[in-house]
PDB file of N, CA and C in Angstrom:
ATOM      1  N   MET A   1     197.032  81.201 162.446  1.00  0.00           N
ATOM      2  CA  MET A   1     196.558  79.804 162.021  1.00  0.00           C
ATOM      3  C   MET A   1     195.405  79.696 163.118  1.00  0.00           C
ATOM      4  N   LYS A   2     194.347  79.144 162.552  1.00  0.00           N
ATOM      5  CA  LYS A   2     193.060  79.243 163.056  1.00  0.00           C
ATOM      6  C   LYS A   2     193.193  78.249 164.747  1.00  0.00           C
ATOM      7  N   GLY A   3     192.771  78.919 165.363  1.00  0.00           N
ATOM      8  CA  GLY A   3     192.556  78.132 166.817  1.00  0.00           C
ATOM      9  C   GLY A   3     193.506  78.630 167.751  1.00  0.00           C
ATOM     10  N   THR A   4     194.532  79.460 167.334  1.00  0.00           N
ATOM     11  CA  THR A   4     195.835  79.394 168.115  1.00  0.00           C
ATOM     12  C   THR A   4     195.780  80.875 169.194  1.00  0.00           C
ATOM     13  N   VAL A   5     194.800  81.736 169.031  1.00  0.00           N
ATOM     14  CA  VAL A   5     194.735  82.768 169.954  1.00  0.00           C
ATOM     15  C   VAL A   5     194.265  82.623 171.071  1.00  0.00           C
ATOM     16  N   ILE A   6     194.456  82.714 172.295  1.00  0.00           N
ATOM     17  CA  ILE A   6     194.117  82.656 173.476  1.00  0.00           C
ATOM     18  C   ILE A   6     193.519  84.164 173.890  1.00  0.00           C
ATOM     19  N   LEU A   7     192.297  84.451 174.144  1.00  0.00           N
ATOM     20  CA  LEU A   7     191.877  85.650 174.389  1.00  0.00           C
ATOM     21  C   LEU A   7     191.913  85.783 176.193  1.00  0.00           C
ATOM     22  N   GLY A   8     192.273  87.139 176.402  1.00  0.00           N
ATOM     23  CA  GLY A   8     192.212  87.284 177.903  1.00  0.00           C
ATOM     24  C   GLY A   8     192.284  88.762 177.787  1.00  0.00           C
ATOM     25  N   SER A   9     191.985  89.418 178.977  1.00  0.00           N
ATOM     26  CA  SER A   9     191.658  90.792 179.235  1.00  0.00           C
ATOM     27  C   SER A   9     192.889  91.754 179.442  1.00  0.00           C
ATOM     28  N   GLU A  10     193.726  91.013 180.078  1.00  0.00           N
ATOM     29  CA  GLU A  10     195.184  91.798 180.326  1.00  0.00           C
ATOM     30  C   GLU A  10     195.844  92.455 179.241  1.00  0.00           C
ATOM     31  N   ALA A  11     196.160  91.607 178.223  1.00  0.00           N
ATOM     32  CA  ALA A  11     196.922  92.393 177.010  1.00  0.00           C
ATOM     33  C   ALA A  11     196.160  93.543 176.400  1.00  0.00           C
ATOM     34  N   ALA A  12     194.686  93.394 176.347  1.00  0.00           N
ATOM     35  CA  ALA A  12     194.033  94.368 175.729  1.00  0.00           C
ATOM     36  C   ALA A  12     193.953  95.538 176.873  1.00  0.00           C
ATOM     37  N   ALA A  13     193.868  95.349 177.821  1.00  0.00           N
ATOM     38  CA  ALA A  13     193.818  96.232 179.003  1.00  0.00           C
ATOM     39  C   ALA A  13     195.249  96.983 178.806  1.00  0.00           C
ATOM     40  N   ILE A  14     196.274  96.294 178.625  1.00  0.00           N
ATOM     41  CA  ILE A  14     197.716  97.081 178.542  1.00  0.00           C
ATOM     42  C   ILE A  14     197.663  97.841 177.375  1.00  0.00           C
ATOM     43  N   GLY A  15     197.338  97.463 176.205  1.00  0.00           N
ATOM     44  CA  GLY A  15     197.368  98.073 174.970  1.00  0.00           C
ATOM     45  C   GLY A  15     196.344  99.488 174.780  1.00  0.00           C
ATOM     46  N   PHE A  16     195.356  99.300 175.754  1.00  0.00           N
ATOM     47  CA  PHE A  16     194.389 100.502 175.676  1.00  0.00           C
ATOM     48  C   PHE A  16     194.941 101.662 176.617  1.00  0.00           C
ATOM     49  N   SER A  17     195.610 100.908 177.702  1.00  0.00           N
ATOM     50  CA  SER A  17     196.431 101.793 178.740  1.00  0.00           C
ATOM     51  C   SER A  17     197.578 102.555 177.836  1.00  0.00           C
ATOM     52  N   ALA A  18     198.196 101.905 177.282  1.00  0.00           N
ATOM     53  CA  ALA A  18     199.548 102.523 176.129  1.00  0.00           C
ATOM     54  C   ALA A  18     198.871 103.391 175.244  1.00  0.00           C
ATOM     55  N   LEU A  19     197.838 103.088 174.614  1.00  0.00           N
ATOM     56  CA  LEU A  19     197.141 103.891 173.874  1.00  0.00           C
ATOM     57  C   LEU A  19     196.846 105.061 174.423  1.00  0.00           C
ATOM     58  N   ARG A  20     195.970 105.222 175.479  1.00  0.00           N
ATOM     59  CA  ARG A  20     195.513 106.556 175.813  1.00  0.00           C
ATOM     60  C   ARG A  20     196.515 106.949 176.664  1.00  0.00           C
ATOM     61  N   SER A  21     197.756 106.640 177.159  1.00  0.00           N
ATOM     62  CA  SER A  21     198.818 107.438 177.533  1.00  0.00           C
ATOM     63  C   SER A  21     199.358 108.219 176.457  1.00  0.00           C
ATOM     64  N   VAL A  22     199.451 107.773 175.157  1.00  0.00           N
ATOM     65  CA  VAL A  22     199.882 108.394 174.196  1.00  0.00           C
ATOM     66  C   VAL A  22     198.551 109.724 173.640  1.00  0.00           C
ATOM     67  N   ALA A  23     197.449 109.185 173.942  1.00  0.00           N
ATOM     68  CA  ALA A  23     196.287 110.054 173.287  1.00  0.00           C
ATOM     69  C   ALA A  23     195.254 110.205 174.536  1.00  0.00           C
ATOM     70  N   PRO A  24     195.417 110.636 175.477  1.00  0.00           N
ATOM     71  CA  PRO A  24     194.409 110.590 176.665  1.00  0.00           C
ATOM     72  C   PRO A  24     192.863 111.215 176.409  1.00  0.00           C
ATOM     73  N   ILE A  25     192.932 112.092 175.595  1.00  0.00           N
ATOM     74  CA  ILE A  25     191.796 112.722 175.001  1.00  0.00           C
ATOM     75  C   ILE A  25     190.922 112.064 174.122  1.00  0.00           C
ATOM     76  N   HIS A  26     191.367 111.200 173.387  1.00  0.00           N
ATOM     77  CA  HIS A  26     190.972 110.040 172.242  1.00  0.00           C
ATOM     78  C   HIS A  26     190.321 108.712 172.990  1.00  0.00           C
ATOM     79  N   GLU A  27     190.406 108.743 174.128  1.00  0.00           N
ATOM     80  CA  GLU A  27     189.931 107.380 174.990  1.00  0.00           C
ATOM     81  C   GLU A  27     188.939 106.538 174.245  1.00  0.00           C
ATOM     82  N   LEU A  28     187.702 107.304 173.972  1.00  0.00           N
ATOM     83  CA  LEU A  28     186.414 106.694 173.493  1.00  0.00           C
ATOM     84  C   LEU A  28     186.801 106.331 171.995  1.00  0.00           C
ATOM     85  N   ASP A  29     187.360 107.245 170.978  1.00  0.00           N
ATOM     86  CA  ASP A  29     187.840 106.732 169.929  1.00  0.00           C
ATOM     87  C   ASP A  29     188.634 105.441 169.450  1.00  0.00           C
ATOM     88  N   LEU A  30     189.751 105.486 170.594  1.00  0.00           N
ATOM     89  CA  LEU A  30     190.471 104.231 170.760  1.00  0.00           C
ATOM     90  C   LEU A  30     190.037 103.108 171.011  1.00  0.00           C
ATOM     91  N   ALA A  31     188.865 103.104 172.091  1.00  0.00           N
ATOM     92  CA  ALA A  31     188.494 101.943 172.556  1.00  0.00           C
ATOM     93  C   ALA A  31     187.529 101.649 171.493  1.00  0.00           C
ATOM     94  N   ALA A  32     186.881 102.328 170.418  1.00  0.00           N
ATOM     95  CA  ALA A  32     186.196 101.804 169.400  1.00  0.00           C
ATOM     96  C   ALA A  32     187.074 101.191 168.281  1.00  0.00           C
ATOM     97  N   ALA A  33     188.150 101.780 168.065  1.00  0.00           N
ATOM     98  CA  ALA A  33     189.270 101.080 167.439  1.00  0.00           C
ATOM     99  C   ALA A  33     189.686 100.099 167.593  1.00  0.00           C
ATOM    100  N   MET A  34     189.829  99.590 168.878  1.00  0.00           N
ATOM    101  CA  MET A  34     190.165  98.426 169.355  1.00  0.00           C
ATOM    102  C   MET A  34     189.077  97.111 169.054  1.00  0.00           C
ATOM    103  N   GLN A  35     187.981  97.452 169.488  1.00  0.00           N
ATOM    104  CA  GLN A  35     186.897  96.706 169.138  1.00  0.00           C
ATOM    105  C   GLN A  35     186.602  96.514 167.560  1.00  0.00           C
ATOM    106  N   ARG A  36     187.067  97.437 166.800  1.00  0.00           N
ATOM    107  CA  ARG A  36     187.028  97.217 165.348  1.00  0.00           C
ATOM    108  C   ARG A  36     188.099  96.115 164.963  1.00  0.00           C
ATOM    109  N   ALA A  37     189.242  96.434 165.566  1.00  0.00           N
ATOM    110  CA  ALA A  37     190.387  95.860 165.344  1.00  0.00           C
ATOM    111  C   ALA A  37     190.243  94.139 165.886  1.00  0.00           C
ATOM    112  N   PHE A  38     189.779  94.209 166.942  1.00  0.00           N
ATOM    113  CA  PHE A  38     189.652  92.750 167.238  1.00  0.00           C
ATOM    114  C   PHE A  38     188.401  91.909 166.486  1.00  0.00           C
ATOM    115  N   TYR A  39     187.172  92.460 166.637  1.00  0.00           N
ATOM    116  CA  TYR A  39     186.048  91.768 166.257  1.00  0.00           C
ATOM    117  C   TYR A  39     185.797  91.974 164.511  1.00  0.00           C
ATOM    118  N   PHE A  40     186.083  93.011 163.936  1.00  0.00           N
ATOM    119  CA  PHE A  40     185.811  93.080 162.554  1.00  0.00           C
ATOM    120  C   PHE A  40     187.266  92.829 161.562  1.00  0.00           C
ATOM    121  N   GLU A  41     188.370  92.932 162.054  1.00  0.00           N
ATOM    122  CA  GLU A  41     189.567  92.738 161.648  1.00  0.00           C
ATOM    123  C   GLU A  41     190.186  91.792 161.970  1.00  0.00           C
ATOM    124  N   ALA A  42     189.566  90.922 162.962  1.00  0.00           N
ATOM    125  CA  ALA A  42     190.419  89.651 163.508  1.00  0.00           C
ATOM    126  C   ALA A  42     191.670  89.816 163.931  1.00  0.00           C
ATOM    127  N   LYS A  43     192.314  91.117 164.389  1.00  0.00           N
ATOM    128  CA  LYS A  43     193.614  91.266 164.897  1.00  0.00           C
ATOM    129  C   LYS A  43     193.552  90.436 166.266  1.00  0.00           C
ATOM    130  N   ASN A  44     194.805  90.287 166.632  1.00  0.00           N
ATOM    131  CA  ASN A  44     195.221  89.696 168.063  1.00  0.00           C
ATOM    132  C   ASN A  44     195.348  90.685 168.937  1.00  0.00           C
ATOM    133  N   PRO A  45     194.612  90.519 170.137  1.00  0.00           N
ATOM    134  CA  PRO A  45     194.728  91.603 171.192  1.00  0.00           C
ATOM    135  C   PRO A  45     195.826  91.363 171.809  1.00  0.00           C
ATOM    136  N   SER A  46     196.374  90.416 171.672  1.00  0.00           N
ATOM    137  CA  SER A  46     197.829  90.227 172.646  1.00  0.00           C
ATOM    138  C   SER A  46     199.149  90.483 171.803  1.00  0.00           C
ATOM    139  N   CYS A  47     198.614  91.060 170.736  1.00  0.00           N
ATOM    140  CA  CYS A  47     200.207  91.257 170.003  1.00  0.00           C
ATOM    141  C   CYS A  47     200.157  93.099 169.808  1.00  0.00           C
ATOM    142  N   PRO A  48     201.276  93.376 170.247  1.00  0.00           N
ATOM    143  CA  PRO A  48     201.672  94.855 170.095  1.00  0.00           C
ATOM    144  C   PRO A  48     201.332  95.447 168.865  1.00  0.00           C
ATOM    145  N   ILE A  49     201.565  94.437 167.765  1.00  0.00           N
ATOM    146  CA  ILE A  49     201.551  95.264 166.668  1.00  0.00           C
ATOM    147  C   ILE A  49     200.123  95.747 166.224  1.00  0.00           C
ATOM    148  N   THR A  50     199.056  95.169 166.960  1.00  0.00           N
ATOM    149  CA  THR A  50     197.719  95.398 166.776  1.00  0.00           C
ATOM    150  C   THR A  50     197.383  96.866 167.187  1.00  0.00           C
ATOM    151  N   TYR A  51     198.229  97.364 168.363  1.00  0.00           N
ATOM    152  CA  TYR A  51     198.284  98.447 169.058  1.00  0.00           C
ATOM    153  C   TYR A  51     198.944  99.637 168.154  1.00  0.00           C
ATOM    154  N   GLN A  52     199.971  99.209 167.859  1.00  0.00           N
ATOM    155  CA  GLN A  52     200.932 100.251 166.817  1.00  0.00           C
ATOM    156  C   GLN A  52     199.913 100.426 165.522  1.00  0.00           C
ATOM    157  N   ASP A  53     199.190  99.662 164.982  1.00  0.00           N
ATOM    158  CA  ASP A  53     198.705  99.915 163.803  1.00  0.00           C
ATOM    159  C   ASP A  53     197.602 101.031 164.337  1.00  0.00           C
ATOM    160  N   ILE A  54     196.782 100.588 165.278  1.00  0.00           N
ATOM    161  CA  ILE A  54     195.861 101.578 165.948  1.00  0.00           C
ATOM    162  C   ILE A  54     196.439 102.968 166.271  1.00  0.00           C
ATOM    163  N   ALA A  55     197.620 103.211 166.669  1.00  0.00           N
ATOM    164  CA  ALA A  55     198.344 104.275 166.830  1.00  0.00           C
ATOM    165  C   ALA A  55     198.627 105.143 165.532  1.00  0.00           C
ATOM    166  N   LYS A  56     199.111 104.161 164.574  1.00  0.00           N
ATOM    167  CA  LYS A  56     199.131 104.746 163.458  1.00  0.00           C
ATOM    168  C   LYS A  56     198.001 105.387 162.487  1.00  0.00           C
ATOM    169  N   TYR A  57     197.158 104.428 162.776  1.00  0.00           N
ATOM    170  CA  TYR A  57     195.713 105.010 162.198  1.00  0.00           C
ATOM    171  C   TYR A  57     195.283 106.407 162.958  1.00  0.00           C
ATOM    172  N   PHE A  58     195.634 106.766 164.017  1.00  0.00           N
ATOM    173  CA  PHE A  58     195.316 107.857 164.584  1.00  0.00           C
ATOM    174  C   PHE A  58     196.342 108.748 164.323  1.00  0.00           C
ATOM    175  N   ASP A  59     197.476 108.540 163.960  1.00  0.00           N
ATOM    176  CA  ASP A  59     198.637 109.324 163.761  1.00  0.00           C
ATOM    177  C   ASP A  59     199.448 109.718 164.920  1.00  0.00           C
ATOM    178  N   LEU A  60     199.627 108.766 165.719  1.00  0.00           N
ATOM    179  CA  LEU A  60     200.140 108.958 167.225  1.00  0.00           C
ATOM    180  C   LEU A  60     201.472 108.245 166.898  1.00  0.00           C
ATOM    181  N   ASP A  61     202.283 108.558 167.780  1.00  0.00           N
ATOM    182  CA  ASP A  61     203.581 108.092 167.732  1.00  0.00           C
ATOM    183  C   ASP A  61     203.819 106.655 168.115  1.00  0.00           C
ATOM    184  N   GLU A  62     203.807 105.851 166.960  1.00  0.00           N
ATOM    185  CA  GLU A  62     203.850 104.581 166.928  1.00  0.00           C
ATOM    186  C   GLU A  62     204.814 103.925 167.847  1.00  0.00           C
ATOM    187  N   GLN A  63     206.085 104.498 167.806  1.00  0.00           N
ATOM    188  CA  GLN A  63     207.127 103.767 168.897  1.00  0.00           C
ATOM    189  C   GLN A  63     206.932 103.980 170.139  1.00  0.00           C
ATOM    190  N   LYS A  64     206.662 105.374 170.661  1.00  0.00           N
ATOM    191  CA  LYS A  64     206.381 105.453 171.931  1.00  0.00           C
ATOM    192  C   LYS A  64     205.184 104.616 172.483  1.00  0.00           C
ATOM    193  N   ASN A  65     204.170 104.179 171.544  1.00  0.00           N
ATOM    194  CA  ASN A  65     202.980 103.331 172.119  1.00  0.00           C
ATOM    195  C   ASN A  65     203.608 101.925 172.243  1.00  0.00           C
ATOM    196  N   ILE A  66     204.445 101.409 171.510  1.00  0.00           N
ATOM    197  CA  ILE A  66     205.157 100.153 171.704  1.00  0.00           C
ATOM    198  C   ILE A  66     205.681 100.306 172.962  1.00  0.00           C
ATOM    199  N   GLU A  67     206.629 101.440 173.262  1.00  0.00           N
ATOM    200  CA  GLU A  67     207.326 101.723 174.318  1.00  0.00           C
ATOM    201  C   GLU A  67     206.296 101.443 175.663  1.00  0.00           C
ATOM    202  N   GLN A  68     205.476 102.054 175.403  1.00  0.00           N
ATOM    203  CA  GLN A  68     204.362 102.007 176.569  1.00  0.00           C
ATOM    204  C   GLN A  68     203.558 100.882 176.755  1.00  0.00           C
ATOM    205  N   PHE A  69     203.502  99.912 175.797  1.00  0.00           N
ATOM    206  CA  PHE A  69     202.927  98.566 175.766  1.00  0.00           C
ATOM    207  C   PHE A  69     203.717  97.871 176.620  1.00  0.00           C
ATOM    208  N   LYS A  70     205.222  97.977 176.429  1.00  0.00           N
ATOM    209  CA  LYS A  70     206.135  97.107 177.342  1.00  0.00           C
ATOM    210  C   LYS A  70     206.404  97.785 178.449  1.00  0.00           C
ATOM    211  N   ALA A  71     206.031  99.024 178.933  1.00  0.00           N
ATOM    212  CA  ALA A  71     206.536  99.696 180.216  1.00  0.00           C
ATOM    213  C   ALA A  71     205.957  99.044 181.373  1.00  0.00           C
ATOM    214  N   PRO A  72     206.423  98.927 182.526  1.00  0.00           N
ATOM    215  CA  PRO A  72     206.185  98.442 183.627  1.00  0.00           C
ATOM    216  C   PRO A  72     204.955  98.981 184.329  1.00  0.00           C
ATOM    217  N   GLU A  73     204.971 100.384 184.310  1.00  0.00           N
ATOM    218  CA  GLU A  73     203.979 101.354 184.690  1.00  0.00           C
ATOM    219  C   GLU A  73     202.458 100.866 184.190  1.00  0.00           C
ATOM    220  N   MET A  74     202.431 100.505 182.663  1.00  0.00           N
ATOM    221  CA  MET A  74     201.219 100.236 182.051  1.00  0.00           C
ATOM    222  C   MET A  74     200.795  99.111 182.996  1.00  0.00           C
ATOM    223  N   ILE A  75     201.445  97.842 183.349  1.00  0.00           N
ATOM    224  CA  ILE A  75     201.147  96.911 184.072  1.00  0.00           C
ATOM    225  C   ILE A  75     200.253  97.214 185.381  1.00  0.00           C
ATOM    226  N   ASN A  76     201.120  98.275 185.887  1.00  0.00           N
ATOM    227  CA  ASN A  76     200.433  98.717 187.286  1.00  0.00           C
ATOM    228  C   ASN A  76     199.209  99.387 187.110  1.00  0.00           C
ATOM    229  N   ASP A  77     199.306 100.406 185.939  1.00  0.00           N
ATOM    230  CA  ASP A  77     198.002 100.948 185.631  1.00  0.00           C
ATOM    231  C   ASP A  77     196.676 100.125 185.325  1.00  0.00           C
ATOM    232  N   VAL A  78     197.059  98.975 184.780  1.00  0.00           N
ATOM    233  CA  VAL A  78     196.188  97.879 184.471  1.00  0.00           C
ATOM    234  C   VAL A  78     195.739  97.456 185.663  1.00  0.00           C
ATOM    235  N   LYS A  79     196.452  96.956 186.470  1.00  0.00           N
ATOM    236  CA  LYS A  79     196.220  96.513 187.688  1.00  0.00           C
ATOM    237  C   LYS A  79     195.255  97.159 188.835  1.00  0.00           C
ATOM    238  N   GLU A  80     195.609  98.554 188.678  1.00  0.00           N
ATOM    239  CA  GLU A  80     194.691  99.596 189.372  1.00  0.00           C
ATOM    240  C   GLU A  80     193.345  99.663 188.552  1.00  0.00           C
ATOM    241  N   ASP A  81     193.201  99.473 187.400  1.00  0.00           N
ATOM    242  CA  ASP A  81     191.743  99.729 186.613  1.00  0.00           C
ATOM    243  C   ASP A  81     191.240  98.258 186.969  1.00  0.00           C
ATOM    244  N   PHE A  82     191.659  97.270 187.119  1.00  0.00           N
ATOM    245  CA  PHE A  82     191.143  95.866 187.358  1.00  0.00           C
ATOM    246  C   PHE A  82     190.498  96.157 188.552  1.00  0.00           C
ATOM    247  N   LEU A  83     191.553  96.524 189.592  1.00  0.00           N
ATOM    248  CA  LEU A  83     190.971  96.775 190.941  1.00  0.00           C
ATOM    249  C   LEU A  83     189.590  97.798 191.025  1.00  0.00           C
ATOM    250  N   THR A  84     189.549  98.650 190.179  1.00  0.00           N
ATOM    251  CA  THR A  84     188.676  99.851 190.220  1.00  0.00           C
ATOM    252  C   THR A  84     187.144  99.009 189.846  1.00  0.00           C
ATOM    253  N   VAL A  85     187.399  98.382 188.499  1.00  0.00           N
ATOM    254  CA  VAL A  85     185.991  97.756 187.843  1.00  0.00           C
ATOM    255  C   VAL A  85     185.359  96.476 188.761  1.00  0.00           C
ATOM    256  N   ALA A  86     186.154  96.013 189.538  1.00  0.00           N
ATOM    257  CA  ALA A  86     185.992  94.805 190.379  1.00  0.00           C
ATOM    258  C   ALA A  86     185.411  95.354 191.436  1.00  0.00           C
ATOM    259  N   ILE A  87     185.604  96.697 191.897  1.00  0.00           N
ATOM    260  CA  ILE A  87     185.156  97.355 193.007  1.00  0.00           C
ATOM    261  C   ILE A  87     183.487  97.530 192.508  1.00  0.00           C
ATOM    262  N   LEU A  88     183.607  98.056 191.403  1.00  0.00           N
ATOM    263  CA  LEU A  88     182.245  98.634 190.831  1.00  0.00           C
ATOM    264  C   LEU A  88     181.178  97.113 190.242  1.00  0.00           C
ATOM    265  N   GLY A  89     181.858  95.937 190.683  1.00  0.00           N
ATOM    266  CA  GLY A  89     181.190  94.764 190.420  1.00  0.00           C
ATOM    267  C   GLY A  89     180.844  94.406 188.912  1.00  0.00           C
ATOM    268  N   VAL A  90     181.994  94.785 188.133  1.00  0.00           N
ATOM    269  CA  VAL A  90     182.305  94.220 186.714  1.00  0.00           C
ATOM    270  C   VAL A  90     182.666  92.982 186.594  1.00  0.00           C
ATOM    271  N   ARG A  91     182.151  92.060 185.915  1.00  0.00           N
ATOM    272  CA  ARG A  91     182.412  90.562 185.802  1.00  0.00           C
ATOM    273  C   ARG A  91     182.670  90.278 184.778  1.00  0.00           C
ATOM    274  N   SER A  92     182.604  90.823 183.506  1.00  0.00           N
ATOM    275  CA  SER A  92     182.910  90.645 182.200  1.00  0.00           C
ATOM    276  C   SER A  92     183.464  91.765 181.355  1.00  0.00           C
ATOM    277  N   TYR A  93     184.320  91.622 180.211  1.00  0.00           N
ATOM    278  CA  TYR A  93     184.936  92.507 179.468  1.00  0.00           C
ATOM    279  C   TYR A  93     184.569  92.071 177.932  1.00  0.00           C
ATOM    280  N   PRO A  94     184.626  93.071 177.134  1.00  0.00           N
ATOM    281  CA  PRO A  94     184.903  94.540 177.577  1.00  0.00           C
ATOM    282  C   PRO A  94     183.491  95.139 177.948  1.00  0.00           C
ATOM    283  N   THR A  95     183.967  96.076 179.062  1.00  0.00           N
ATOM    284  CA  THR A  95     182.720  97.099 179.619  1.00  0.00           C
ATOM    285  C   THR A  95     183.156  98.572 179.347  1.00  0.00           C
ATOM    286  N   LEU A  96     182.278  99.438 179.173  1.00  0.00           N
ATOM    287  CA  LEU A  96     182.550 100.598 179.089  1.00  0.00           C
ATOM    288  C   LEU A  96     181.934 101.426 180.021  1.00  0.00           C
ATOM    289  N   PHE A  97     182.613 102.597 180.708  1.00  0.00           N
ATOM    290  CA  PHE A  97     182.250 103.244 181.797  1.00  0.00           C
ATOM    291  C   PHE A  97     182.561 104.749 181.009  1.00  0.00           C
ATOM    292  N   LEU A  98     181.287 105.509 181.292  1.00  0.00           N
ATOM    293  CA  LEU A  98     181.707 106.977 181.043  1.00  0.00           C
ATOM    294  C   LEU A  98     181.327 107.691 182.228  1.00  0.00           C
ATOM    295  N   LYS A  99     182.050 108.792 182.354  1.00  0.00           N
ATOM    296  CA  LYS A  99     181.652 109.610 183.746  1.00  0.00           C
ATOM    297  C   LYS A  99     181.803 111.163 183.082  1.00  0.00           C
TER     298      LYS A  99
END
């Protein structure tokens, strides 16, 4: 329904953390897939099915990805990531860092 999605960084960060826990060597590709899903395919960044679809596209374990999305340690990972980027001075999302 138009106008019902509320955007926020936390769900997308949890989704990314869950995806990268399943396929850590594909972080950049997964981030690009998330951007495509959100901005070109209009998928909801707060919905676990969005990340399940991305996992499926990359032939990853969809069930494990959903379990990771709901796991308490993902929230802790995201809190650590948010703290790290705050220290680096990030004020808006999405932001990409390469090292």
